[in-house]
C-alpha atoms as a PDB file:
ATOM      1  CA  MET A   1      49.294  -4.417  -1.095  1.00  0.00           C
ATOM      2  CA  ARG A   2      50.399  -6.089   2.146  1.00  0.00           C
ATOM      3  CA  PHE A   3      51.337  -2.663   3.572  1.00  0.00           C
ATOM      4  CA  PHE A   4      47.799  -1.328   2.979  1.00  0.00           C
ATOM      5  CA  LYS A   5      46.250  -4.419   4.581  1.00  0.00           C
ATOM      6  CA  GLN A   6      48.420  -3.975   7.716  1.00  0.00           C
ATOM      7  CA  LEU A   7      47.698  -0.243   7.772  1.00  0.00           C
ATOM      8  CA  THR A   8      43.945  -0.894   7.505  1.00  0.00           C
ATOM      9  CA  GLN A   9      44.047  -3.499  10.288  1.00  0.00           C
ATOM     10  CA  THR A  10      46.075  -1.177  12.522  1.00  0.00           C
ATOM     11  CA  LEU A  11      43.693   1.729  11.940  1.00  0.00           C
ATOM     12  CA  LEU A  12      40.685  -0.517  12.553  1.00  0.00           C
ATOM     13  CA  ALA A  13      42.226  -1.760  15.817  1.00  0.00           C
ATOM     14  CA  LEU A  14      42.897   1.828  16.914  1.00  0.00           C
ATOM     15  CA  VAL A  15      39.330   2.900  16.109  1.00  0.00           C
ATOM     16  CA  ILE A  16      37.835  -0.081  17.960  1.00  0.00           C
ATOM     17  CA  GLY A  17      40.158   0.473  20.932  1.00  0.00           C
ATOM     18  CA  PHE A  18      39.315   4.177  21.071  1.00  0.00           C
ATOM     19  CA  THR A  19      35.586   3.437  20.800  1.00  0.00           C
ATOM     20  CA  LEU A  20      35.716   0.887  23.635  1.00  0.00           C
ATOM     21  CA  CYS A  21      37.819   3.216  25.776  1.00  0.00           C
ATOM     22  CA  SER A  22      35.486   6.158  25.100  1.00  0.00           C
ATOM     23  CA  SER A  23      32.431   4.042  25.906  1.00  0.00           C
ATOM     24  CA  SER A  24      33.803   2.951  29.265  1.00  0.00           C
ATOM     25  CA  LEU A  25      34.832   6.507  30.131  1.00  0.00           C
ATOM     26  CA  ALA A  26      31.397   7.851  29.220  1.00  0.00           C
ATOM     27  CA  LEU A  27      29.775   5.617  31.849  1.00  0.00           C
ATOM     28  CA  LYS A  28      31.598   7.371  34.695  1.00  0.00           C
ATOM     29  CA  PRO A  29      30.061  10.613  35.984  1.00  0.00           C
ATOM     30  CA  LYS A  30      32.197  13.641  35.146  1.00  0.00           C
ATOM     31  CA  LYS A  31      30.989  15.741  38.074  1.00  0.00           C
ATOM     32  CA  ASP A  32      28.668  15.445  41.046  1.00  0.00           C
ATOM     33  CA  ILE A  33      25.448  17.265  40.172  1.00  0.00           C
ATOM     34  CA  ILE A  34      22.092  17.763  41.904  1.00  0.00           C
ATOM     35  CA  LYS A  35      19.028  19.160  40.130  1.00  0.00           C
ATOM     36  CA  TYR A  36      15.513  19.870  41.389  1.00  0.00           C
ATOM     37  CA  THR A  37      13.036  18.308  38.944  1.00  0.00           C
ATOM     38  CA  GLY A  38       9.665  19.294  40.429  1.00  0.00           C
ATOM     39  CA  ASP A  39       7.453  22.334  40.212  1.00  0.00           C
ATOM     40  CA  ILE A  40       7.456  25.183  42.716  1.00  0.00           C
ATOM     41  CA  LYS A  41       3.829  24.951  43.838  1.00  0.00           C
ATOM     42  CA  PHE A  42       4.037  24.378  47.583  1.00  0.00           C
ATOM     43  CA  LYS A  43       0.819  24.502  49.586  1.00  0.00           C
ATOM     44  CA  ALA A  44       0.582  26.588  52.734  1.00  0.00           C
ATOM     45  CA  LEU A  45      -0.132  24.729  55.979  1.00  0.00           C
ATOM     46  CA  SER A  46       1.023  21.339  54.608  1.00  0.00           C
ATOM     47  CA  THR A  47       2.566  18.948  57.138  1.00  0.00           C
ATOM     48  CA  SER A  48       5.222  17.860  54.610  1.00  0.00           C
ATOM     49  CA  VAL A  49       6.313  18.278  50.996  1.00  0.00           C
ATOM     50  CA  ASP A  50       7.810  15.719  48.569  1.00  0.00           C
ATOM     51  CA  LEU A  51      10.726  17.144  46.582  1.00  0.00           C
ATOM     52  CA  PRO A  52      11.980  15.269  43.484  1.00  0.00           C
ATOM     53  CA  PHE A  53      15.630  15.533  42.440  1.00  0.00           C
ATOM     54  CA  SER A  54      17.968  13.944  39.946  1.00  0.00           C
ATOM     55  CA  TYR A  55      21.628  13.518  40.789  1.00  0.00           C
ATOM     56  CA  THR A  56      24.929  12.221  39.477  1.00  0.00           C
ATOM     57  CA  ALA A  57      27.637  11.251  41.976  1.00  0.00           C
ATOM     58  CA  LYS A  58      31.125   9.803  41.556  1.00  0.00           C
ATOM     59  CA  LYS A  59      30.805   8.092  44.957  1.00  0.00           C
ATOM     60  CA  SER A  60      28.326   7.980  47.854  1.00  0.00           C
ATOM     61  CA  ARG A  61      27.279  11.529  48.739  1.00  0.00           C
ATOM     62  CA  GLU A  62      24.920  13.423  51.009  1.00  0.00           C
ATOM     63  CA  VAL A  63      22.082  15.465  49.583  1.00  0.00           C
ATOM     64  CA  ALA A  64      20.900  18.236  51.885  1.00  0.00           C
ATOM     65  CA  VAL A  65      17.699  20.241  51.425  1.00  0.00           C
ATOM     66  CA  ALA A  66      16.465  23.113  53.584  1.00  0.00           C
ATOM     67  CA  ILE A  67      13.626  25.640  53.548  1.00  0.00           C
ATOM     68  CA  TRP A  68      14.353  29.157  54.813  1.00  0.00           C
ATOM     69  CA  LEU A  69      12.206  32.232  55.428  1.00  0.00           C
ATOM     70  CA  GLY A  70      14.700  35.056  55.111  1.00  0.00           C
ATOM     71  CA  LYS A  71      17.440  34.185  57.608  1.00  0.00           C
ATOM     72  CA  LYS A  72      15.166  31.864  59.587  1.00  0.00           C
ATOM     73  CA  TRP A  73      15.552  28.105  59.134  1.00  0.00           C
ATOM     74  CA  ILE A  74      12.195  26.308  58.775  1.00  0.00           C
ATOM     75  CA  THR A  75      13.008  22.646  58.052  1.00  0.00           C
ATOM     76  CA  SER A  76      15.663  20.447  56.464  1.00  0.00           C
ATOM     77  CA  LYS A  77      16.681  16.900  55.692  1.00  0.00           C
ATOM     78  CA  ILE A  78      19.910  15.151  54.732  1.00  0.00           C
ATOM     79  CA  ILE A  79      20.041  11.777  52.983  1.00  0.00           C
ATOM     80  CA  THR A  80      22.898   9.649  51.673  1.00  0.00           C
ATOM     81  CA  VAL A  81      22.748   8.613  48.018  1.00  0.00           C
ATOM     82  CA  LYS A  82      24.664   5.914  46.172  1.00  0.00           C
ATOM     83  CA  LYS A  83      27.288   6.435  43.503  1.00  0.00           C
ATOM     84  CA  GLY A  84      25.864   6.820  39.976  1.00  0.00           C
ATOM     85  CA  THR A  85      22.944   8.649  38.401  1.00  0.00           C
ATOM     86  CA  SER A  86      19.422   8.377  39.774  1.00  0.00           C
ATOM     87  CA  ASN A  87      16.182  10.121  40.747  1.00  0.00           C
ATOM     88  CA  ILE A  88      15.175  10.555  44.380  1.00  0.00           C
ATOM     89  CA  VAL A  89      12.298  12.074  46.341  1.00  0.00           C
ATOM     90  CA  ILE A  90      13.041  13.757  49.662  1.00  0.00           C
ATOM     91  CA  THR A  91      10.124  14.325  52.029  1.00  0.00           C
ATOM     92  CA  LEU A  92      10.584  17.454  54.121  1.00  0.00           C
ATOM     93  CA  PRO A  93       8.443  17.539  57.280  1.00  0.00           C
ATOM     94  CA  PHE A  94       7.038  20.777  58.688  1.00  0.00           C
ATOM     95  CA  LYS A  95       6.948  20.012  62.412  1.00  0.00           C
ATOM     96  CA  LYS A  96       7.394  23.305  64.255  1.00  0.00           C
ATOM     97  CA  GLU A  97       6.399  25.785  61.585  1.00  0.00           C
ATOM     98  CA  LYS A  98       4.318  25.296  58.452  1.00  0.00           C
ATOM     99  CA  LEU A  99       4.549  27.359  55.283  1.00  0.00           C
ATOM    100  CA  LYS A 100       2.388  30.486  55.329  1.00  0.00           C
ATOM    101  CA  ARG A 101       0.464  31.628  52.289  1.00  0.00           C
ATOM    102  CA  GLY A 102       2.110  34.469  50.347  1.00  0.00           C
ATOM    103  CA  PHE A 103       5.429  34.475  52.225  1.00  0.00           C
ATOM    104  CA  LYS A 104       8.628  34.382  50.172  1.00  0.00           C
ATOM    105  CA  TYR A 105      10.712  31.277  50.994  1.00  0.00           C
ATOM    106  CA  GLU A 106      13.964  29.773  49.732  1.00  0.00           C
ATOM    107  CA  MET A 107      14.623  26.115  49.079  1.00  0.00           C
ATOM    108  CA  ARG A 108      18.384  25.484  49.306  1.00  0.00           C
ATOM    109  CA  TYR A 109      19.815  22.154  48.208  1.00  0.00           C
ATOM    110  CA  HIS A 110      23.250  20.714  47.562  1.00  0.00           C
ATOM    111  CA  ILE A 111      25.324  17.557  47.153  1.00  0.00           C
ATOM    112  CA  ARG A 112      28.452  17.074  49.269  1.00  0.00           C
ATOM    113  CA  PRO A 113      30.853  14.395  50.572  1.00  0.00           C
ATOM    114  CA  VAL A 114      29.384  12.157  53.298  1.00  0.00           C
ATOM    115  CA  GLY A 115      29.910  13.467  56.825  1.00  0.00           C
ATOM    116  CA  THR A 116      30.682  17.051  55.830  1.00  0.00           C
ATOM    117  CA  THR A 117      28.853  20.389  56.049  1.00  0.00           C
ATOM    118  CA  TRP A 118      27.510  22.924  53.571  1.00  0.00           C
ATOM    119  CA  LYS A 119      31.036  24.384  53.436  1.00  0.00           C
ATOM    120  CA  GLU A 120      32.155  21.365  51.370  1.00  0.00           C
ATOM    121  CA  THR A 121      29.299  21.667  48.852  1.00  0.00           C
ATOM    122  CA  ILE A 122      30.181  20.257  45.439  1.00  0.00           C
ATOM    123  CA  ASN A 123      27.082  21.435  43.572  1.00  0.00           C
ATOM    124  CA  GLY A 124      23.830  23.076  44.610  1.00  0.00           C
ATOM    125  CA  ASN A 125      21.272  25.763  44.024  1.00  0.00           C
ATOM    126  CA  LEU A 126      18.492  27.740  45.636  1.00  0.00           C
ATOM    127  CA  ILE A 127      14.956  28.415  44.468  1.00  0.00           C
ATOM    128  CA  HIS A 128      12.695  31.241  45.640  1.00  0.00           C
ATOM    129  CA  PHE A 129       8.981  30.462  45.989  1.00  0.00           C
ATOM    130  CA  ARG A 130       5.774  31.642  47.622  1.00  0.00           C
ATOM    131  CA  ALA A 131       3.457  29.207  49.391  1.00  0.00           C
ATOM    132  CA  LYS A 132      -0.015  29.089  47.832  1.00  0.00           C
END
């Protein structure tokens, strides 16, 4: 009987230890991820556009967003985000050139280490859209 009591206590301790260990591991991000969470309805001739994203980062990272028309850069912005998981809104200004109705644009975005370039991108995507 004593053997079964010790076995039960040992198994219970292992289960509790594994559960606590698993819980603390689950709180840490597994991978840096950036995701666009808005719609793709951009108005032509706007002076700026607010772009919502969600991200997960293991440490402080840069989030870069750019709008392109073919091979021509239109506008971009880079911000630094804190470690963890959060939602952000990046406001892209259209200073020199505004979006034109009906043209096919690309929104490129990515998350990368602070102080690096697009070549060190960890995660990103691009979305095609037409200004309305």
